[in-house]
């Protein structure tokens, strides 16, 4: 995947943050279906046991911040 394909919009990054900051025991926040599909395709989150969960690359992406915009 090219660097351009991995560029997130501000809204997609906000969705990534929303899922990343949700407590493990709470319900996952509602994010737009397009954001969910793209973030899963990029490997930043997975749908596991009925909810969205962050992956290590997703946590790294949050830590690194929105560097490409």
PDB file of N, CA and C in Angstrom:
ATOM      1  N   UNK A   1       0.832  -1.169   0.000  1.00  0.00           N
ATOM      2  CA  UNK A   1       0.000   0.000   0.000  1.00  0.00           C
ATOM      3  C   UNK A   1       0.885   1.244   0.000  1.00  0.00           C
ATOM      4  N   UNK A   2       0.558   2.210  -0.810  1.00  0.00           N
ATOM      5  CA  UNK A   2       1.374   3.408  -0.894  1.00  0.00           C
ATOM      6  C   UNK A   2       1.100   4.338   0.275  1.00  0.00           C
ATOM      7  N   UNK A   3       2.019   5.259   0.512  1.00  0.00           N
ATOM      8  CA  UNK A   3       1.842   6.227   1.593  1.00  0.00           C
ATOM      9  C   UNK A   3       0.584   7.056   1.376  1.00  0.00           C
ATOM     10  N   UNK A   4       0.287   7.384   0.130  1.00  0.00           N
ATOM     11  CA  UNK A   4      -0.909   8.170  -0.167  1.00  0.00           C
ATOM     12  C   UNK A   4      -2.172   7.406   0.217  1.00  0.00           C
ATOM     13  N   UNK A   5      -2.191   6.092   0.011  1.00  0.00           N
ATOM     14  CA  UNK A   5      -3.356   5.289   0.350  1.00  0.00           C
ATOM     15  C   UNK A   5      -3.553   5.214   1.860  1.00  0.00           C
ATOM     16  N   UNK A   6      -2.490   5.368   2.639  1.00  0.00           N
ATOM     17  CA  UNK A   6      -2.593   5.293   4.085  1.00  0.00           C
ATOM     18  C   UNK A   6      -2.944   6.631   4.731  1.00  0.00           C
ATOM     19  N   UNK A   7      -2.988   7.702   3.954  1.00  0.00           N
ATOM     20  CA  UNK A   7      -3.308   9.016   4.493  1.00  0.00           C
ATOM     21  C   UNK A   7      -4.752   9.014   4.992  1.00  0.00           C
ATOM     22  N   UNK A   8      -4.947   9.472   6.210  1.00  0.00           N
ATOM     23  CA  UNK A   8      -6.282   9.532   6.796  1.00  0.00           C
ATOM     24  C   UNK A   8      -6.807  10.955   6.756  1.00  0.00           C
ATOM     25  N   UNK A   9      -8.117  11.064   6.599  1.00  0.00           N
ATOM     26  CA  UNK A   9      -8.740  12.382   6.733  1.00  0.00           C
ATOM     27  C   UNK A   9      -8.802  12.700   8.228  1.00  0.00           C
ATOM     28  N   UNK A  10      -9.074  13.948   8.533  1.00  0.00           N
ATOM     29  CA  UNK A  10      -9.207  14.327   9.940  1.00  0.00           C
ATOM     30  C   UNK A  10     -10.352  13.561  10.600  1.00  0.00           C
ATOM     31  N   UNK A  11     -11.428  13.324   9.850  1.00  0.00           N
ATOM     32  CA  UNK A  11     -12.578  12.600  10.380  1.00  0.00           C
ATOM     33  C   UNK A  11     -12.240  11.124  10.644  1.00  0.00           C
ATOM     34  N   UNK A  12     -11.479  10.512   9.728  1.00  0.00           N
ATOM     35  CA  UNK A  12     -11.062   9.120   9.928  1.00  0.00           C
ATOM     36  C   UNK A  12     -10.140   9.013  11.144  1.00  0.00           C
ATOM     37  N   UNK A  13      -9.241   9.982  11.289  1.00  0.00           N
ATOM     38  CA  UNK A  13      -8.345   9.968  12.435  1.00  0.00           C
ATOM     39  C   UNK A  13      -9.134  10.146  13.727  1.00  0.00           C
ATOM     40  N   UNK A  14     -10.161  10.994  13.704  1.00  0.00           N
ATOM     41  CA  UNK A  14     -11.018  11.175  14.878  1.00  0.00           C
ATOM     42  C   UNK A  14     -11.733   9.869  15.222  1.00  0.00           C
ATOM     43  N   UNK A  15     -12.162   9.122  14.218  1.00  0.00           N
ATOM     44  CA  UNK A  15     -12.793   7.823  14.458  1.00  0.00           C
ATOM     45  C   UNK A  15     -11.798   6.845  15.067  1.00  0.00           C
ATOM     46  N   UNK A  16     -10.567   6.864  14.576  1.00  0.00           N
ATOM     47  CA  UNK A  16      -9.517   6.008  15.133  1.00  0.00           C
ATOM     48  C   UNK A  16      -9.279   6.362  16.602  1.00  0.00           C
ATOM     49  N   UNK A  17      -9.224   7.649  16.898  1.00  0.00           N
ATOM     50  CA  UNK A  17      -9.057   8.092  18.286  1.00  0.00           C
ATOM     51  C   UNK A  17     -10.225   7.662  19.169  1.00  0.00           C
ATOM     52  N   UNK A  18     -11.440   7.778  18.640  1.00  0.00           N
ATOM     53  CA  UNK A  18     -12.625   7.411  19.416  1.00  0.00           C
ATOM     54  C   UNK A  18     -12.582   5.941  19.816  1.00  0.00           C
ATOM     55  N   UNK A  19     -12.226   5.085  18.893  1.00  0.00           N
ATOM     56  CA  UNK A  19     -12.136   3.655  19.203  1.00  0.00           C
ATOM     57  C   UNK A  19     -10.940   3.386  20.116  1.00  0.00           C
ATOM     58  N   UNK A  20      -9.847   4.055  19.866  1.00  0.00           N
ATOM     59  CA  UNK A  20      -8.641   3.843  20.659  1.00  0.00           C
ATOM     60  C   UNK A  20      -8.772   4.275  22.100  1.00  0.00           C
ATOM     61  N   UNK A  21      -9.591   5.284  22.353  1.00  0.00           N
ATOM     62  CA  UNK A  21      -9.734   5.798  23.711  1.00  0.00           C
ATOM     63  C   UNK A  21     -10.915   5.195  24.465  1.00  0.00           C
ATOM     64  N   UNK A  22     -11.683   4.319  23.829  1.00  0.00           N
ATOM     65  CA  UNK A  22     -12.820   3.678  24.498  1.00  0.00           C
ATOM     66  C   UNK A  22     -12.310   2.681  25.531  1.00  0.00           C
ATOM     67  N   UNK A  23     -12.955   2.643  26.670  1.00  0.00           N
ATOM     68  CA  UNK A  23     -12.584   1.688  27.717  1.00  0.00           C
ATOM     69  C   UNK A  23     -12.848   0.263  27.224  1.00  0.00           C
ATOM     70  N   UNK A  24     -12.022  -0.658  27.668  1.00  0.00           N
ATOM     71  CA  UNK A  24     -12.122  -2.048  27.206  1.00  0.00           C
ATOM     72  C   UNK A  24     -13.469  -2.681  27.539  1.00  0.00           C
ATOM     73  N   UNK A  25     -14.068  -2.290  28.636  1.00  0.00           N
ATOM     74  CA  UNK A  25     -15.337  -2.889  29.061  1.00  0.00           C
ATOM     75  C   UNK A  25     -16.551  -2.177  28.500  1.00  0.00           C
ATOM     76  N   UNK A  26     -16.368  -1.011  27.900  1.00  0.00           N
ATOM     77  CA  UNK A  26     -17.500  -0.245  27.394  1.00  0.00           C
ATOM     78  C   UNK A  26     -17.822  -0.650  25.959  1.00  0.00           C
ATOM     79  N   UNK A  27     -18.982  -0.213  25.534  1.00  0.00           N
ATOM     80  CA  UNK A  27     -19.359  -0.452  24.138  1.00  0.00           C
ATOM     81  C   UNK A  27     -18.481   0.416  23.247  1.00  0.00           C
ATOM     82  N   UNK A  28     -18.131  -0.105  22.100  1.00  0.00           N
ATOM     83  CA  UNK A  28     -17.313   0.663  21.156  1.00  0.00           C
ATOM     84  C   UNK A  28     -18.126   1.845  20.650  1.00  0.00           C
ATOM     85  N   UNK A  29     -17.498   2.978  20.465  1.00  0.00           N
ATOM     86  CA  UNK A  29     -18.231   4.149  19.957  1.00  0.00           C
ATOM     87  C   UNK A  29     -18.702   3.913  18.530  1.00  0.00           C
ATOM     88  N   UNK A  30     -19.795   4.555  18.180  1.00  0.00           N
ATOM     89  CA  UNK A  30     -20.310   4.445  16.815  1.00  0.00           C
ATOM     90  C   UNK A  30     -19.484   5.347  15.910  1.00  0.00           C
ATOM     91  N   UNK A  31     -18.956   4.768  14.860  1.00  0.00           N
ATOM     92  CA  UNK A  31     -18.217   5.544  13.861  1.00  0.00           C
ATOM     93  C   UNK A  31     -18.826   5.225  12.502  1.00  0.00           C
ATOM     94  N   UNK A  32     -18.670   6.109  11.515  1.00  0.00           N
ATOM     95  CA  UNK A  32     -19.242   5.856  10.188  1.00  0.00           C
ATOM     96  C   UNK A  32     -18.724   4.540   9.589  1.00  0.00           C
ATOM     97  N   UNK A  33     -19.608   3.861   8.888  1.00  0.00           N
ATOM     98  CA  UNK A  33     -19.264   2.568   8.286  1.00  0.00           C
ATOM     99  C   UNK A  33     -18.077   2.680   7.331  1.00  0.00           C
ATOM    100  N   UNK A  34     -17.987   3.773   6.578  1.00  0.00           N
ATOM    101  CA  UNK A  34     -16.857   3.962   5.652  1.00  0.00           C
ATOM    102  C   UNK A  34     -15.547   4.050   6.421  1.00  0.00           C
ATOM    103  N   UNK A  35     -15.566   4.754   7.555  1.00  0.00           N
ATOM    104  CA  UNK A  35     -14.348   4.860   8.366  1.00  0.00           C
ATOM    105  C   UNK A  35     -13.967   3.494   8.917  1.00  0.00           C
ATOM    106  N   UNK A  36     -14.954   2.785   9.437  1.00  0.00           N
ATOM    107  CA  UNK A  36     -14.691   1.456   9.997  1.00  0.00           C
ATOM    108  C   UNK A  36     -14.072   0.546   8.944  1.00  0.00           C
ATOM    109  N   UNK A  37     -14.659   0.509   7.763  1.00  0.00           N
ATOM    110  CA  UNK A  37     -14.158  -0.369   6.700  1.00  0.00           C
ATOM    111  C   UNK A  37     -12.724   0.012   6.307  1.00  0.00           C
ATOM    112  N   UNK A  38     -12.453   1.300   6.163  1.00  0.00           N
ATOM    113  CA  UNK A  38     -11.108   1.731   5.753  1.00  0.00           C
ATOM    114  C   UNK A  38     -10.074   1.462   6.839  1.00  0.00           C
ATOM    115  N   UNK A  39     -10.424   1.744   8.094  1.00  0.00           N
ATOM    116  CA  UNK A  39      -9.472   1.534   9.185  1.00  0.00           C
ATOM    117  C   UNK A  39      -9.183   0.048   9.395  1.00  0.00           C
ATOM    118  N   UNK A  40     -10.180  -0.800   9.170  1.00  0.00           N
ATOM    119  CA  UNK A  40      -9.952  -2.249   9.222  1.00  0.00           C
ATOM    120  C   UNK A  40      -9.058  -2.672   8.060  1.00  0.00           C
ATOM    121  N   UNK A  41      -9.341  -2.157   6.855  1.00  0.00           N
ATOM    122  CA  UNK A  41      -8.534  -2.509   5.676  1.00  0.00           C
ATOM    123  C   UNK A  41      -7.080  -2.083   5.843  1.00  0.00           C
ATOM    124  N   UNK A  42      -6.844  -0.960   6.515  1.00  0.00           N
ATOM    125  CA  UNK A  42      -5.477  -0.493   6.751  1.00  0.00           C
ATOM    126  C   UNK A  42      -4.796  -1.242   7.893  1.00  0.00           C
ATOM    127  N   UNK A  43      -5.552  -2.046   8.623  1.00  0.00           N
ATOM    128  CA  UNK A  43      -4.973  -2.823   9.709  1.00  0.00           C
ATOM    129  C   UNK A  43      -4.885  -2.082  11.028  1.00  0.00           C
ATOM    130  N   UNK A  44      -5.564  -0.925  11.137  1.00  0.00           N
ATOM    131  CA  UNK A  44      -5.516  -0.146  12.366  1.00  0.00           C
ATOM    132  C   UNK A  44      -6.481  -0.655  13.431  1.00  0.00           C
ATOM    133  N   UNK A  45      -7.510  -1.396  13.010  1.00  0.00           N
ATOM    134  CA  UNK A  45      -8.443  -2.002  13.956  1.00  0.00           C
ATOM    135  C   UNK A  45      -9.019  -3.275  13.355  1.00  0.00           C
ATOM    136  N   UNK A  46      -9.600  -4.083  14.228  1.00  0.00           N
ATOM    137  CA  UNK A  46     -10.250  -5.326  13.810  1.00  0.00           C
ATOM    138  C   UNK A  46     -11.613  -5.400  14.476  1.00  0.00           C
ATOM    139  N   UNK A  47     -12.509  -6.173  13.874  1.00  0.00           N
ATOM    140  CA  UNK A  47     -13.814  -6.437  14.483  1.00  0.00           C
ATOM    141  C   UNK A  47     -13.701  -7.804  15.132  1.00  0.00           C
ATOM    142  N   UNK A  48     -13.651  -7.823  16.450  1.00  0.00           N
ATOM    143  CA  UNK A  48     -13.385  -9.050  17.194  1.00  0.00           C
ATOM    144  C   UNK A  48     -14.376  -9.172  18.334  1.00  0.00           C
ATOM    145  N   UNK A  49     -14.979 -10.321  18.466  1.00  0.00           N
ATOM    146  CA  UNK A  49     -15.931 -10.610  19.529  1.00  0.00           C
ATOM    147  C   UNK A  49     -17.045  -9.569  19.590  1.00  0.00           C
ATOM    148  N   UNK A  50     -17.528  -9.170  18.432  1.00  0.00           N
ATOM    149  CA  UNK A  50     -18.665  -8.277  18.358  1.00  0.00           C
ATOM    150  C   UNK A  50     -18.386  -6.804  18.558  1.00  0.00           C
ATOM    151  N   UNK A  51     -17.114  -6.398  18.581  1.00  0.00           N
ATOM    152  CA  UNK A  51     -16.802  -4.973  18.732  1.00  0.00           C
ATOM    153  C   UNK A  51     -15.493  -4.625  18.050  1.00  0.00           C
ATOM    154  N   UNK A  52     -15.302  -3.347  17.815  1.00  0.00           N
ATOM    155  CA  UNK A  52     -14.057  -2.877  17.213  1.00  0.00           C
ATOM    156  C   UNK A  52     -12.965  -2.850  18.262  1.00  0.00           C
ATOM    157  N   UNK A  53     -11.784  -3.313  17.888  1.00  0.00           N
ATOM    158  CA  UNK A  53     -10.635  -3.313  18.789  1.00  0.00           C
ATOM    159  C   UNK A  53      -9.429  -2.773  18.027  1.00  0.00           C
ATOM    160  N   UNK A  54      -8.580  -2.067  18.752  1.00  0.00           N
ATOM    161  CA  UNK A  54      -7.378  -1.491  18.161  1.00  0.00           C
ATOM    162  C   UNK A  54      -6.321  -2.575  17.948  1.00  0.00           C
ATOM    163  N   UNK A  55      -5.527  -2.389  16.907  1.00  0.00           N
ATOM    164  CA  UNK A  55      -4.369  -3.244  16.677  1.00  0.00           C
ATOM    165  C   UNK A  55      -3.124  -2.450  17.077  1.00  0.00           C
ATOM    166  N   UNK A  56      -2.003  -3.124  17.123  1.00  0.00           N
ATOM    167  CA  UNK A  56      -0.750  -2.424  17.427  1.00  0.00           C
ATOM    168  C   UNK A  56      -0.465  -1.331  16.397  1.00  0.00           C
ATOM    169  N   UNK A  57      -0.624  -1.595  15.091  1.00  0.00           N
ATOM    170  CA  UNK A  57      -0.411  -0.503  14.132  1.00  0.00           C
ATOM    171  C   UNK A  57      -1.368   0.683  14.364  1.00  0.00           C
ATOM    172  N   UNK A  58      -2.580   0.406  14.808  1.00  0.00           N
ATOM    173  CA  UNK A  58      -3.519   1.481  15.106  1.00  0.00           C
ATOM    174  C   UNK A  58      -3.050   2.323  16.277  1.00  0.00           C
ATOM    175  N   UNK A  59      -2.542   1.685  17.304  1.00  0.00           N
ATOM    176  CA  UNK A  59      -2.018   2.419  18.467  1.00  0.00           C
ATOM    177  C   UNK A  59      -0.779   3.239  18.076  1.00  0.00           C
ATOM    178  N   UNK A  60       0.055   2.667  17.215  1.00  0.00           N
ATOM    179  CA  UNK A  60       1.236   3.407  16.745  1.00  0.00           C
ATOM    180  C   UNK A  60       0.792   4.628  15.942  1.00  0.00           C
ATOM    181  N   UNK A  61      -0.231   4.450  15.124  1.00  0.00           N
ATOM    182  CA  UNK A  61      -0.754   5.557  14.311  1.00  0.00           C
ATOM    183  C   UNK A  61      -1.273   6.683  15.207  1.00  0.00           C
ATOM    184  N   UNK A  62      -1.979   6.334  16.275  1.00  0.00           N
ATOM    185  CA  UNK A  62      -2.458   7.348  17.214  1.00  0.00           C
ATOM    186  C   UNK A  62      -1.268   8.042  17.866  1.00  0.00           C
ATOM    187  N   UNK A  63      -0.284   7.257  18.296  1.00  0.00           N
ATOM    188  CA  UNK A  63       0.882   7.822  18.954  1.00  0.00           C
ATOM    189  C   UNK A  63       1.640   8.771  18.023  1.00  0.00           C
ATOM    190  N   UNK A  64       1.773   8.376  16.776  1.00  0.00           N
ATOM    191  CA  UNK A  64       2.511   9.189  15.812  1.00  0.00           C
ATOM    192  C   UNK A  64       1.731  10.450  15.425  1.00  0.00           C
ATOM    193  N   UNK A  65       0.433  10.405  15.568  1.00  0.00           N
ATOM    194  CA  UNK A  65      -0.388  11.556  15.210  1.00  0.00           C
ATOM    195  C   UNK A  65      -0.639  11.610  13.723  1.00  0.00           C
ATOM    196  N   UNK A  66      -1.335  12.610  13.334  1.00  0.00           N
ATOM    197  CA  UNK A  66      -1.699  12.769  11.934  1.00  0.00           C
ATOM    198  C   UNK A  66      -0.567  13.504  11.227  1.00  0.00           C
ATOM    199  N   UNK A  67       0.489  12.774  10.871  1.00  0.00           N
ATOM    200  CA  UNK A  67       1.673  13.391  10.289  1.00  0.00           C
ATOM    201  C   UNK A  67       1.567  13.689   8.807  1.00  0.00           C
ATOM    202  N   UNK A  68       0.687  12.973   8.096  1.00  0.00           N
ATOM    203  CA  UNK A  68       0.689  13.126   6.647  1.00  0.00           C
ATOM    204  C   UNK A  68      -0.265  14.186   6.115  1.00  0.00           C
ATOM    205  N   UNK A  69      -0.965  14.913   6.960  1.00  0.00           N
ATOM    206  CA  UNK A  69      -1.884  15.904   6.374  1.00  0.00           C
ATOM    207  C   UNK A  69      -1.353  17.289   6.535  1.00  0.00           C
TER     208      UNK A  69
END
